[in-house]
Amino acid sequence: MIFDFTTAPGFDFITLFGKQINVPVRDNFLEIPKAMGEGYVRKVTFGDDFKLTIHRYTLNEDLIVKRNPAPASASVRAIFFYNHWENLEVKYNTEKSVPSSQKGDSSILLSTNDLSTEIRFPAGSNIQYVVVAIGVDRLRAILSIEKPNSTIKTITAENASFLFFESLDPEMQLILKNIVSVDMNNSLNNFYVQIKVQELMYLLFSKLSLRENATFKNINSSDAEKLLIIRNEVLRDLSKPPVLNELALMASMSETKLKQLFKQTFGDTIYNYYQKARMEEAAFLLKQARHSVSEVGYELGFSNLSHFSRLFEKQYGITPKKFSYNS
């Protein structure tokens, strides 16, 4: 099934989606019909300029969500919180689908609506994500930051074109779980959900505020697609460090441009991003209790296990051996 739309003033995902699948929306709630699968889409409003859409369903066929580029810059920012991106493939104005991550990490996506996107949710996957839509003026008022860095300035600017990714850490995942589990039949729970959404945004913008205060470069759909390809290449084999000139050739960019856009989009240098992903994979493997510290180190390309231990302790504050015992 393909759901094709263009955002515009007054755009309402749940209403348009309900019309396409011929299902009524009652009290901002759409139940997925049994013929299609199971689950629901729910909209929660906190005012005309601040809304939340909760997606929680499993479908019998692939769902392709296509967002066409908006003809004009919107004054609304959409923030996409998704758990387990391995269920997704993202496409930016290209005929080739790009898995957003080959490691299946949870992610947060902020993107302006002038970038056309295509997201495929495979049949049978447990889809669980939320989208926060908030007006730029309301966002500025909530944040109330006197001296924002270039990333936050860009997000709250009227005519920016950007793509930003952030990781969804365990604290955020717990908040998301609480949000999607709330019984909205209790009238006070709208207030509770608004508090949890603002808590989620606080954690996100706390991360974004730590990004380097560098000159921002506008991004187009072609650049966005190439950056996802490069990110996946960096994560494809964590036993091998990325080679910048090879990645630049793959992206058809200069090394300078690739370094700038990658850091701007993902919040870190290519090599640091690789090293953090390496340690996250190490932590995952150690939790399985089927892998020794030496096996994990060698699998991730470390010939010097002391070096592996130092890097792991730097990221997690504990040696891999102690981490393994405590898991």
C-alpha atoms as a PDB file:
ATOM      1  CA  MET A   1       0.000   0.000   0.000  1.00  0.00           C
ATOM      2  CA  ILE A   2       1.274   3.470  -0.898  1.00  0.00           C
ATOM      3  CA  PHE A   3       0.285   6.576   1.064  1.00  0.00           C
ATOM      4  CA  ASP A   4       1.263   9.670  -0.898  1.00  0.00           C
ATOM      5  CA  PHE A   5       0.913  13.180   0.505  1.00  0.00           C
ATOM      6  CA  THR A   6       2.173  16.754   0.445  1.00  0.00           C
ATOM      7  CA  THR A   7       2.297  18.771   3.639  1.00  0.00           C
ATOM      8  CA  ALA A   8       0.573  22.148   3.635  1.00  0.00           C
ATOM      9  CA  PRO A   9      -1.091  24.451   6.171  1.00  0.00           C
ATOM     10  CA  GLY A  10      -3.805  22.450   7.925  1.00  0.00           C
ATOM     11  CA  PHE A  11      -2.335  19.079   6.876  1.00  0.00           C
ATOM     12  CA  ASP A  12      -3.613  16.254   9.073  1.00  0.00           C
ATOM     13  CA  PHE A  13      -2.039  12.824   8.588  1.00  0.00           C
ATOM     14  CA  ILE A  14      -4.684  10.779  10.403  1.00  0.00           C
ATOM     15  CA  THR A  15      -7.607  12.298   8.455  1.00  0.00           C
ATOM     16  CA  LEU A  16      -5.939  11.802   5.073  1.00  0.00           C
ATOM     17  CA  PHE A  17      -4.795   8.269   5.958  1.00  0.00           C
ATOM     18  CA  GLY A  18      -8.302   7.358   7.143  1.00  0.00           C
ATOM     19  CA  LYS A  19      -9.795   8.523   3.844  1.00  0.00           C
ATOM     20  CA  GLN A  20      -7.315   6.475   1.836  1.00  0.00           C
ATOM     21  CA  ILE A  21      -8.055   3.217   3.649  1.00  0.00           C
ATOM     22  CA  ASN A  22     -11.763   4.085   3.992  1.00  0.00           C
ATOM     23  CA  VAL A  23     -11.763   3.955   7.800  1.00  0.00           C
ATOM     24  CA  PRO A  24     -13.486   6.596   9.934  1.00  0.00           C
ATOM     25  CA  VAL A  25     -11.497   8.655  12.435  1.00  0.00           C
ATOM     26  CA  ARG A  26     -13.362   8.992  15.736  1.00  0.00           C
ATOM     27  CA  ASP A  27     -12.110  11.235  18.525  1.00  0.00           C
ATOM     28  CA  ASN A  28      -8.714  11.502  16.785  1.00  0.00           C
ATOM     29  CA  PHE A  29      -8.393   7.691  16.788  1.00  0.00           C
ATOM     30  CA  LEU A  30      -8.129   5.400  13.767  1.00  0.00           C
ATOM     31  CA  GLU A  31      -8.246   1.642  14.291  1.00  0.00           C
ATOM     32  CA  ILE A  32      -6.518  -0.483  11.660  1.00  0.00           C
ATOM     33  CA  PRO A  33      -9.129  -2.862  10.144  1.00  0.00           C
ATOM     34  CA  LYS A  34      -8.503  -6.573  10.632  1.00  0.00           C
ATOM     35  CA  ALA A  35      -8.267  -7.072   6.874  1.00  0.00           C
ATOM     36  CA  MET A  36      -5.162  -4.855   6.913  1.00  0.00           C
ATOM     37  CA  GLY A  37      -3.605  -5.978  10.189  1.00  0.00           C
ATOM     38  CA  GLU A  38      -3.973  -4.685  13.723  1.00  0.00           C
ATOM     39  CA  GLY A  39      -3.202  -1.577  15.759  1.00  0.00           C
ATOM     40  CA  TYR A  40      -4.038   2.106  15.496  1.00  0.00           C
ATOM     41  CA  VAL A  41      -3.051   5.673  14.692  1.00  0.00           C
ATOM     42  CA  ARG A  42      -3.892   8.300  17.318  1.00  0.00           C
ATOM     43  CA  LYS A  43      -3.614  12.089  17.248  1.00  0.00           C
ATOM     44  CA  VAL A  44      -3.189  14.052  20.473  1.00  0.00           C
ATOM     45  CA  THR A  45      -3.409  17.843  20.311  1.00  0.00           C
ATOM     46  CA  PHE A  46      -1.956  20.386  22.711  1.00  0.00           C
ATOM     47  CA  GLY A  47      -3.157  23.398  20.711  1.00  0.00           C
ATOM     48  CA  ASP A  48      -3.325  24.361  17.036  1.00  0.00           C
ATOM     49  CA  ASP A  49       0.468  24.550  16.768  1.00  0.00           C
ATOM     50  CA  PHE A  50       1.503  21.521  18.851  1.00  0.00           C
ATOM     51  CA  LYS A  51       0.358  17.980  17.994  1.00  0.00           C
ATOM     52  CA  LEU A  52       1.417  14.389  18.438  1.00  0.00           C
ATOM     53  CA  THR A  53       0.634  11.436  16.166  1.00  0.00           C
ATOM     54  CA  ILE A  54       1.154   7.951  17.585  1.00  0.00           C
ATOM     55  CA  HIS A  55       1.626   5.037  15.172  1.00  0.00           C
ATOM     56  CA  ARG A  56       1.343   1.558  16.655  1.00  0.00           C
ATOM     57  CA  TYR A  57       0.437  -1.252  14.270  1.00  0.00           C
ATOM     58  CA  THR A  58       1.399  -4.388  12.378  1.00  0.00           C
ATOM     59  CA  LEU A  59       0.270  -4.602   8.754  1.00  0.00           C
ATOM     60  CA  ASN A  60      -0.312  -7.541   6.427  1.00  0.00           C
ATOM     61  CA  GLU A  61       1.364  -5.787   3.506  1.00  0.00           C
ATOM     62  CA  ASP A  62       4.177  -3.298   3.026  1.00  0.00           C
ATOM     63  CA  LEU A  63       3.298   0.320   3.729  1.00  0.00           C
ATOM     64  CA  ILE A  64       5.115   2.960   1.686  1.00  0.00           C
ATOM     65  CA  VAL A  65       4.744   6.507   3.003  1.00  0.00           C
ATOM     66  CA  LYS A  66       5.739   9.096   0.379  1.00  0.00           C
ATOM     67  CA  ARG A  67       6.098  12.738   1.313  1.00  0.00           C
ATOM     68  CA  ASN A  68       6.312  15.032  -1.679  1.00  0.00           C
ATOM     69  CA  PRO A  69       8.388  18.206  -1.383  1.00  0.00           C
ATOM     70  CA  ALA A  70       6.307  21.095  -0.109  1.00  0.00           C
ATOM     71  CA  PRO A  71       6.076  24.059  -2.513  1.00  0.00           C
ATOM     72  CA  ALA A  72       6.903  26.504   0.291  1.00  0.00           C
ATOM     73  CA  SER A  73       8.805  26.382   3.545  1.00  0.00           C
ATOM     74  CA  ALA A  74       6.526  25.474   6.450  1.00  0.00           C
ATOM     75  CA  SER A  75       6.496  27.101   9.861  1.00  0.00           C
ATOM     76  CA  VAL A  76       5.959  23.666  11.466  1.00  0.00           C
ATOM     77  CA  ARG A  77       8.729  21.306  12.539  1.00  0.00           C
ATOM     78  CA  ALA A  78       8.112  17.550  12.489  1.00  0.00           C
ATOM     79  CA  ILE A  79      10.231  15.400  14.791  1.00  0.00           C
ATOM     80  CA  PHE A  80      10.144  11.683  14.085  1.00  0.00           C
ATOM     81  CA  PHE A  81      10.952   9.319  17.009  1.00  0.00           C
ATOM     82  CA  TYR A  82      11.328   5.720  15.885  1.00  0.00           C
ATOM     83  CA  ASN A  83      12.378   2.618  17.786  1.00  0.00           C
ATOM     84  CA  HIS A  84      14.284  -0.077  15.821  1.00  0.00           C
ATOM     85  CA  TRP A  85      15.040   1.482  12.433  1.00  0.00           C
ATOM     86  CA  GLU A  86      15.940  -1.896  10.952  1.00  0.00           C
ATOM     87  CA  ASN A  87      12.275  -2.104   9.918  1.00  0.00           C
ATOM     88  CA  LEU A  88      12.660   0.931   7.668  1.00  0.00           C
ATOM     89  CA  GLU A  89      14.023   1.880   4.327  1.00  0.00           C
ATOM     90  CA  VAL A  90      14.265   5.568   3.511  1.00  0.00           C
ATOM     91  CA  LYS A  91      14.447   7.109   0.057  1.00  0.00           C
ATOM     92  CA  TYR A  92      15.303  10.717  -0.869  1.00  0.00           C
ATOM     93  CA  ASN A  93      14.351  11.602  -4.475  1.00  0.00           C
ATOM     94  CA  THR A  94      15.964   8.461  -5.822  1.00  0.00           C
ATOM     95  CA  GLU A  95      14.826   5.173  -7.273  1.00  0.00           C
ATOM     96  CA  LYS A  96      17.024   3.223  -4.880  1.00  0.00           C
ATOM     97  CA  SER A  97      15.804   2.556  -1.350  1.00  0.00           C
ATOM     98  CA  VAL A  98      18.380   3.164   1.343  1.00  0.00           C
ATOM     99  CA  PRO A  99      18.121   1.308   4.672  1.00  0.00           C
ATOM    100  CA  SER A 100      18.396   4.059   7.254  1.00  0.00           C
ATOM    101  CA  SER A 101      20.718   1.918   9.342  1.00  0.00           C
ATOM    102  CA  GLN A 102      22.181  -1.522   8.998  1.00  0.00           C
ATOM    103  CA  LYS A 103      22.591  -1.875  12.763  1.00  0.00           C
ATOM    104  CA  GLY A 104      18.935  -1.298  13.592  1.00  0.00           C
ATOM    105  CA  ASP A 105      19.518   1.429  16.146  1.00  0.00           C
ATOM    106  CA  SER A 106      16.672   3.585  17.357  1.00  0.00           C
ATOM    107  CA  SER A 107      16.731   7.050  15.856  1.00  0.00           C
ATOM    108  CA  ILE A 108      15.294  10.540  15.843  1.00  0.00           C
ATOM    109  CA  LEU A 109      14.868  12.351  12.542  1.00  0.00           C
ATOM    110  CA  LEU A 110      14.325  16.067  12.031  1.00  0.00           C
ATOM    111  CA  SER A 111      13.825  17.107   8.431  1.00  0.00           C
ATOM    112  CA  THR A 112      12.285  20.074   6.650  1.00  0.00           C
ATOM    113  CA  ASN A 113       9.359  19.341   4.359  1.00  0.00           C
ATOM    114  CA  ASP A 114      11.148  20.555   1.221  1.00  0.00           C
ATOM    115  CA  LEU A 115      13.007  17.229   1.156  1.00  0.00           C
ATOM    116  CA  SER A 116      10.881  14.543  -0.464  1.00  0.00           C
ATOM    117  CA  THR A 117      11.046  11.268   1.444  1.00  0.00           C
ATOM    118  CA  GLU A 118       9.848   7.731   0.996  1.00  0.00           C
ATOM    119  CA  ILE A 119       9.706   5.331   3.930  1.00  0.00           C
ATOM    120  CA  ARG A 120       8.836   1.654   3.588  1.00  0.00           C
ATOM    121  CA  PHE A 121       7.484  -0.329   6.531  1.00  0.00           C
ATOM    122  CA  PRO A 122       7.772  -4.050   5.729  1.00  0.00           C
ATOM    123  CA  ALA A 123       4.741  -6.284   6.217  1.00  0.00           C
ATOM    124  CA  GLY A 124       4.626  -8.072   9.570  1.00  0.00           C
ATOM    125  CA  SER A 125       6.933  -5.619  11.336  1.00  0.00           C
ATOM    126  CA  ASN A 126       5.922  -4.164  14.690  1.00  0.00           C
ATOM    127  CA  ILE A 127       5.673  -0.474  13.827  1.00  0.00           C
ATOM    128  CA  GLN A 128       5.874   1.871  16.783  1.00  0.00           C
ATOM    129  CA  TYR A 129       6.787   5.525  16.379  1.00  0.00           C
ATOM    130  CA  VAL A 130       5.567   9.005  17.204  1.00  0.00           C
ATOM    131  CA  VAL A 131       5.703  12.248  15.264  1.00  0.00           C
ATOM    132  CA  VAL A 132       5.709  15.578  17.073  1.00  0.00           C
ATOM    133  CA  ALA A 133       4.531  18.527  14.952  1.00  0.00           C
ATOM    134  CA  ILE A 134       5.159  21.918  16.509  1.00  0.00           C
ATOM    135  CA  GLY A 135       5.070  25.457  15.187  1.00  0.00           C
ATOM    136  CA  VAL A 136       8.388  27.273  15.031  1.00  0.00           C
ATOM    137  CA  ASP A 137       7.155  30.103  17.247  1.00  0.00           C
ATOM    138  CA  ARG A 138       5.837  27.646  19.854  1.00  0.00           C
ATOM    139  CA  LEU A 139       9.115  25.720  19.728  1.00  0.00           C
ATOM    140  CA  ARG A 140      11.155  28.882  20.305  1.00  0.00           C
ATOM    141  CA  ALA A 141       8.910  29.790  23.243  1.00  0.00           C
ATOM    142  CA  ILE A 142       9.237  26.323  24.810  1.00  0.00           C
ATOM    143  CA  LEU A 143      13.004  26.213  24.404  1.00  0.00           C
ATOM    144  CA  SER A 144      13.616  29.799  25.579  1.00  0.00           C
ATOM    145  CA  ILE A 145      17.327  29.571  24.783  1.00  0.00           C
ATOM    146  CA  GLU A 146      19.090  32.927  24.871  1.00  0.00           C
ATOM    147  CA  LYS A 147      22.145  31.853  22.889  1.00  0.00           C
ATOM    148  CA  PRO A 148      21.274  28.771  20.809  1.00  0.00           C
ATOM    149  CA  ASN A 149      23.989  27.011  18.846  1.00  0.00           C
ATOM    150  CA  SER A 150      23.880  26.838  15.042  1.00  0.00           C
ATOM    151  CA  THR A 151      21.923  23.550  15.028  1.00  0.00           C
ATOM    152  CA  ILE A 152      19.067  24.871  17.167  1.00  0.00           C
ATOM    153  CA  LYS A 153      19.150  28.217  15.326  1.00  0.00           C
ATOM    154  CA  THR A 154      18.656  26.324  12.089  1.00  0.00           C
ATOM    155  CA  ILE A 155      15.790  24.186  13.427  1.00  0.00           C
ATOM    156  CA  THR A 156      13.960  27.261  14.716  1.00  0.00           C
ATOM    157  CA  ALA A 157      14.642  29.419  11.638  1.00  0.00           C
ATOM    158  CA  GLU A 158      11.848  30.142   9.169  1.00  0.00           C
ATOM    159  CA  ASN A 159      13.517  29.259   5.858  1.00  0.00           C
ATOM    160  CA  ALA A 160      16.063  26.549   6.605  1.00  0.00           C
ATOM    161  CA  SER A 161      16.517  23.266   4.721  1.00  0.00           C
ATOM    162  CA  PHE A 162      17.967  20.577   6.948  1.00  0.00           C
ATOM    163  CA  LEU A 163      18.265  16.934   7.912  1.00  0.00           C
ATOM    164  CA  PHE A 164      19.403  15.968  11.421  1.00  0.00           C
ATOM    165  CA  PHE A 165      19.684  12.571  13.067  1.00  0.00           C
ATOM    166  CA  GLU A 166      20.086  11.810  16.760  1.00  0.00           C
ATOM    167  CA  SER A 167      20.221   8.557  18.689  1.00  0.00           C
ATOM    168  CA  LEU A 168      17.292   7.459  20.824  1.00  0.00           C
ATOM    169  CA  ASP A 169      18.828   6.538  24.163  1.00  0.00           C
ATOM    170  CA  PRO A 170      17.248   4.194  26.769  1.00  0.00           C
ATOM    171  CA  GLU A 171      15.723   7.075  28.755  1.00  0.00           C
ATOM    172  CA  MET A 172      13.953   8.347  25.641  1.00  0.00           C
ATOM    173  CA  GLN A 173      12.823   4.832  24.731  1.00  0.00           C
ATOM    174  CA  LEU A 174      11.200   4.478  28.147  1.00  0.00           C
ATOM    175  CA  ILE A 175       9.352   7.787  27.700  1.00  0.00           C
ATOM    176  CA  LEU A 176       8.143   6.659  24.272  1.00  0.00           C
ATOM    177  CA  LYS A 177       6.895   3.414  25.772  1.00  0.00           C
ATOM    178  CA  ASN A 178       4.965   5.396  28.392  1.00  0.00           C
ATOM    179  CA  ILE A 179       3.453   7.691  25.750  1.00  0.00           C
ATOM    180  CA  VAL A 180       2.163   4.930  23.474  1.00  0.00           C
ATOM    181  CA  SER A 181       0.789   2.967  26.445  1.00  0.00           C
ATOM    182  CA  VAL A 182      -1.368   5.758  27.888  1.00  0.00           C
ATOM    183  CA  ASP A 183      -5.138   5.239  28.102  1.00  0.00           C
ATOM    184  CA  MET A 184      -6.474   8.384  26.454  1.00  0.00           C
ATOM    185  CA  ASN A 185     -10.003   7.753  27.797  1.00  0.00           C
ATOM    186  CA  ASN A 186      -8.850   9.467  30.986  1.00  0.00           C
ATOM    187  CA  SER A 187      -9.202  13.198  30.298  1.00  0.00           C
ATOM    188  CA  LEU A 188      -6.212  14.107  32.482  1.00  0.00           C
ATOM    189  CA  ASN A 189      -3.943  11.884  30.425  1.00  0.00           C
ATOM    190  CA  ASN A 190      -3.773  14.472  27.640  1.00  0.00           C
ATOM    191  CA  PHE A 191      -1.972  16.676  30.166  1.00  0.00           C
ATOM    192  CA  TYR A 192       0.276  13.756  31.150  1.00  0.00           C
ATOM    193  CA  VAL A 193       1.182  13.017  27.514  1.00  0.00           C
ATOM    194  CA  GLN A 194       2.016  16.683  26.880  1.00  0.00           C
ATOM    195  CA  ILE A 195       4.415  16.611  29.833  1.00  0.00           C
ATOM    196  CA  LYS A 196       6.074  13.407  28.549  1.00  0.00           C
ATOM    197  CA  VAL A 197       6.377  14.822  25.015  1.00  0.00           C
ATOM    198  CA  GLN A 198       8.048  17.953  26.375  1.00  0.00           C
ATOM    199  CA  GLU A 199      10.360  15.752  28.449  1.00  0.00           C
ATOM    200  CA  LEU A 200      11.248  13.864  25.281  1.00  0.00           C
ATOM    201  CA  MET A 201      11.929  17.137  23.476  1.00  0.00           C
ATOM    202  CA  TYR A 202      14.008  18.396  26.404  1.00  0.00           C
ATOM    203  CA  LEU A 203      16.267  15.350  26.166  1.00  0.00           C
ATOM    204  CA  LEU A 204      16.537  15.718  22.386  1.00  0.00           C
ATOM    205  CA  PHE A 205      17.370  19.427  22.413  1.00  0.00           C
ATOM    206  CA  SER A 206      19.806  18.892  25.280  1.00  0.00           C
ATOM    207  CA  LYS A 207      21.727  16.630  22.909  1.00  0.00           C
ATOM    208  CA  LEU A 208      21.415  19.009  19.984  1.00  0.00           C
ATOM    209  CA  SER A 209      22.618  21.923  22.118  1.00  0.00           C
ATOM    210  CA  LEU A 210      25.920  20.095  22.677  1.00  0.00           C
ATOM    211  CA  ARG A 211      26.727  19.986  18.977  1.00  0.00           C
ATOM    212  CA  GLU A 212      29.604  22.076  17.737  1.00  0.00           C
ATOM    213  CA  ASN A 213      28.620  25.660  16.934  1.00  0.00           C
ATOM    214  CA  ALA A 214      29.698  25.486  13.306  1.00  0.00           C
ATOM    215  CA  THR A 215      28.534  27.257  10.155  1.00  0.00           C
ATOM    216  CA  PHE A 216      25.399  25.553   8.830  1.00  0.00           C
ATOM    217  CA  LYS A 217      25.179  24.423   5.208  1.00  0.00           C
ATOM    218  CA  ASN A 218      21.768  23.900   3.575  1.00  0.00           C
ATOM    219  CA  ILE A 219      21.133  20.349   2.401  1.00  0.00           C
ATOM    220  CA  ASN A 220      19.223  19.087  -0.629  1.00  0.00           C
ATOM    221  CA  SER A 221      17.533  15.751  -1.319  1.00  0.00           C
ATOM    222  CA  SER A 222      20.501  14.382  -3.260  1.00  0.00           C
ATOM    223  CA  ASP A 223      22.873  15.147  -0.380  1.00  0.00           C
ATOM    224  CA  ALA A 224      20.442  13.575   2.105  1.00  0.00           C
ATOM    225  CA  GLU A 225      20.314  10.321   0.153  1.00  0.00           C
ATOM    226  CA  LYS A 226      24.098  10.185  -0.197  1.00  0.00           C
ATOM    227  CA  LEU A 227      24.623  10.811   3.521  1.00  0.00           C
ATOM    228  CA  LEU A 228      22.407   7.844   4.394  1.00  0.00           C
ATOM    229  CA  ILE A 229      24.414   5.678   2.005  1.00  0.00           C
ATOM    230  CA  ILE A 230      27.672   6.822   3.644  1.00  0.00           C
ATOM    231  CA  ARG A 231      26.300   6.242   7.137  1.00  0.00           C
ATOM    232  CA  ASN A 232      25.313   2.698   6.194  1.00  0.00           C
ATOM    233  CA  GLU A 233      28.725   2.087   4.671  1.00  0.00           C
ATOM    234  CA  VAL A 234      30.394   3.246   7.899  1.00  0.00           C
ATOM    235  CA  LEU A 235      28.216   0.823   9.891  1.00  0.00           C
ATOM    236  CA  ARG A 236      28.383  -2.057   7.409  1.00  0.00           C
ATOM    237  CA  ASP A 237      31.552  -3.636   8.806  1.00  0.00           C
ATOM    238  CA  LEU A 238      32.593  -2.314  12.209  1.00  0.00           C
ATOM    239  CA  SER A 239      35.816  -4.319  12.143  1.00  0.00           C
ATOM    240  CA  LYS A 240      37.201  -1.969   9.488  1.00  0.00           C
ATOM    241  CA  PRO A 241      37.669   1.780  10.027  1.00  0.00           C
ATOM    242  CA  PRO A 242      36.180   4.081   7.370  1.00  0.00           C
ATOM    243  CA  VAL A 243      38.489   5.447   4.696  1.00  0.00           C
ATOM    244  CA  LEU A 244      37.592   9.060   3.983  1.00  0.00           C
ATOM    245  CA  ASN A 245      38.720   9.302   0.360  1.00  0.00           C
ATOM    246  CA  GLU A 246      36.796   6.115  -0.511  1.00  0.00           C
ATOM    247  CA  LEU A 247      33.640   7.440   1.163  1.00  0.00           C
ATOM    248  CA  ALA A 248      33.994  10.807  -0.601  1.00  0.00           C
ATOM    249  CA  LEU A 249      34.289   9.012  -3.943  1.00  0.00           C
ATOM    250  CA  MET A 250      31.198   6.950  -3.132  1.00  0.00           C
ATOM    251  CA  ALA A 251      29.262  10.121  -2.251  1.00  0.00           C
ATOM    252  CA  SER A 252      30.572  12.082  -5.253  1.00  0.00           C
ATOM    253  CA  MET A 253      31.597  14.831  -2.829  1.00  0.00           C
ATOM    254  CA  SER A 254      34.837  16.463  -1.889  1.00  0.00           C
ATOM    255  CA  GLU A 255      36.285  15.194   1.386  1.00  0.00           C
ATOM    256  CA  THR A 256      35.721  18.629   2.928  1.00  0.00           C
ATOM    257  CA  LYS A 257      32.044  18.722   1.969  1.00  0.00           C
ATOM    258  CA  LEU A 258      31.440  15.146   3.132  1.00  0.00           C
ATOM    259  CA  LYS A 259      33.073  15.779   6.506  1.00  0.00           C
ATOM    260  CA  GLN A 260      31.058  18.960   7.030  1.00  0.00           C
ATOM    261  CA  LEU A 261      27.672  17.534   6.012  1.00  0.00           C
ATOM    262  CA  PHE A 262      28.162  14.268   7.899  1.00  0.00           C
ATOM    263  CA  LYS A 263      29.053  16.027  11.132  1.00  0.00           C
ATOM    264  CA  GLN A 264      26.225  18.517  10.670  1.00  0.00           C
ATOM    265  CA  THR A 265      23.669  15.754  10.044  1.00  0.00           C
ATOM    266  CA  PHE A 266      24.757  13.092  12.520  1.00  0.00           C
ATOM    267  CA  GLY A 267      26.400  15.261  15.156  1.00  0.00           C
ATOM    268  CA  ASP A 268      29.900  13.797  15.031  1.00  0.00           C
ATOM    269  CA  THR A 269      32.875  13.180  12.763  1.00  0.00           C
ATOM    270  CA  ILE A 270      32.786  10.078  10.592  1.00  0.00           C
ATOM    271  CA  TYR A 271      35.513   8.362  12.613  1.00  0.00           C
ATOM    272  CA  ASN A 272      34.030   9.209  16.019  1.00  0.00           C
ATOM    273  CA  TYR A 273      30.625   8.049  14.781  1.00  0.00           C
ATOM    274  CA  TYR A 274      32.226   4.764  13.721  1.00  0.00           C
ATOM    275  CA  GLN A 275      33.979   4.316  17.067  1.00  0.00           C
ATOM    276  CA  LYS A 276      30.808   4.960  19.072  1.00  0.00           C
ATOM    277  CA  ALA A 277      28.887   2.492  16.914  1.00  0.00           C
ATOM    278  CA  ARG A 278      31.700   0.010  17.473  1.00  0.00           C
ATOM    279  CA  MET A 279      31.387   0.314  21.250  1.00  0.00           C
ATOM    280  CA  GLU A 280      27.592   0.098  21.095  1.00  0.00           C
ATOM    281  CA  GLU A 281      27.910  -3.126  19.112  1.00  0.00           C
ATOM    282  CA  ALA A 282      30.443  -4.398  21.656  1.00  0.00           C
ATOM    283  CA  ALA A 283      28.015  -3.659  24.497  1.00  0.00           C
ATOM    284  CA  PHE A 284      25.240  -5.474  22.640  1.00  0.00           C
ATOM    285  CA  LEU A 285      27.397  -8.555  22.055  1.00  0.00           C
ATOM    286  CA  LEU A 286      28.631  -8.627  25.665  1.00  0.00           C
ATOM    287  CA  LYS A 287      25.029  -8.537  26.905  1.00  0.00           C
ATOM    288  CA  GLN A 288      24.287 -11.727  25.003  1.00  0.00           C
ATOM    289  CA  ALA A 289      26.487 -13.674  27.440  1.00  0.00           C
ATOM    290  CA  ARG A 290      27.585 -15.912  24.563  1.00  0.00           C
ATOM    291  CA  HIS A 291      30.676 -13.854  23.766  1.00  0.00           C
ATOM    292  CA  SER A 292      33.829 -13.356  25.795  1.00  0.00           C
ATOM    293  CA  VAL A 293      35.567  -9.977  25.934  1.00  0.00           C
ATOM    294  CA  SER A 294      38.372 -11.229  23.699  1.00  0.00           C
ATOM    295  CA  GLU A 295      35.911 -12.668  21.144  1.00  0.00           C
ATOM    296  CA  VAL A 296      34.046  -9.364  20.950  1.00  0.00           C
ATOM    297  CA  GLY A 297      37.255  -7.362  20.670  1.00  0.00           C
ATOM    298  CA  TYR A 298      38.642  -9.507  17.866  1.00  0.00           C
ATOM    299  CA  GLU A 299      35.287  -9.584  16.047  1.00  0.00           C
ATOM    300  CA  LEU A 300      35.262  -5.775  16.007  1.00  0.00           C
ATOM    301  CA  GLY A 301      38.760  -5.588  14.573  1.00  0.00           C
ATOM    302  CA  PHE A 302      40.864  -4.947  17.696  1.00  0.00           C
ATOM    303  CA  SER A 303      44.229  -6.685  17.703  1.00  0.00           C
ATOM    304  CA  ASN A 304      45.103  -4.944  20.983  1.00  0.00           C
ATOM    305  CA  LEU A 305      42.523  -5.879  23.641  1.00  0.00           C
ATOM    306  CA  SER A 306      43.891  -3.270  26.054  1.00  0.00           C
ATOM    307  CA  HIS A 307      43.039  -0.589  23.489  1.00  0.00           C
ATOM    308  CA  PHE A 308      39.554  -2.068  23.155  1.00  0.00           C
ATOM    309  CA  SER A 309      39.115  -2.021  26.920  1.00  0.00           C
ATOM    310  CA  ARG A 310      40.225   1.625  27.195  1.00  0.00           C
ATOM    311  CA  LEU A 311      37.852   2.786  24.464  1.00  0.00           C
ATOM    312  CA  PHE A 312      34.952   0.838  25.972  1.00  0.00           C
ATOM    313  CA  GLU A 313      35.589   2.232  29.454  1.00  0.00           C
ATOM    314  CA  LYS A 314      35.837   5.761  28.040  1.00  0.00           C
ATOM    315  CA  GLN A 315      32.355   5.443  26.511  1.00  0.00           C
ATOM    316  CA  TYR A 316      30.590   3.460  29.264  1.00  0.00           C
ATOM    317  CA  GLY A 317      32.606   4.227  32.397  1.00  0.00           C
ATOM    318  CA  ILE A 318      33.223   0.542  33.025  1.00  0.00           C
ATOM    319  CA  THR A 319      35.571  -2.064  31.574  1.00  0.00           C
ATOM    320  CA  PRO A 320      34.097  -4.593  29.128  1.00  0.00           C
ATOM    321  CA  LYS A 321      34.895  -7.389  31.585  1.00  0.00           C
ATOM    322  CA  LYS A 322      32.895  -5.764  34.397  1.00  0.00           C
ATOM    323  CA  PHE A 323      30.149  -4.806  31.930  1.00  0.00           C
ATOM    324  CA  SER A 324      29.885  -8.434  30.871  1.00  0.00           C
ATOM    325  CA  TYR A 325      29.574  -9.622  34.491  1.00  0.00           C
ATOM    326  CA  ASN A 326      26.893  -7.027  35.275  1.00  0.00           C
ATOM    327  CA  SER A 327      24.767  -7.734  32.183  1.00  0.00           C
END
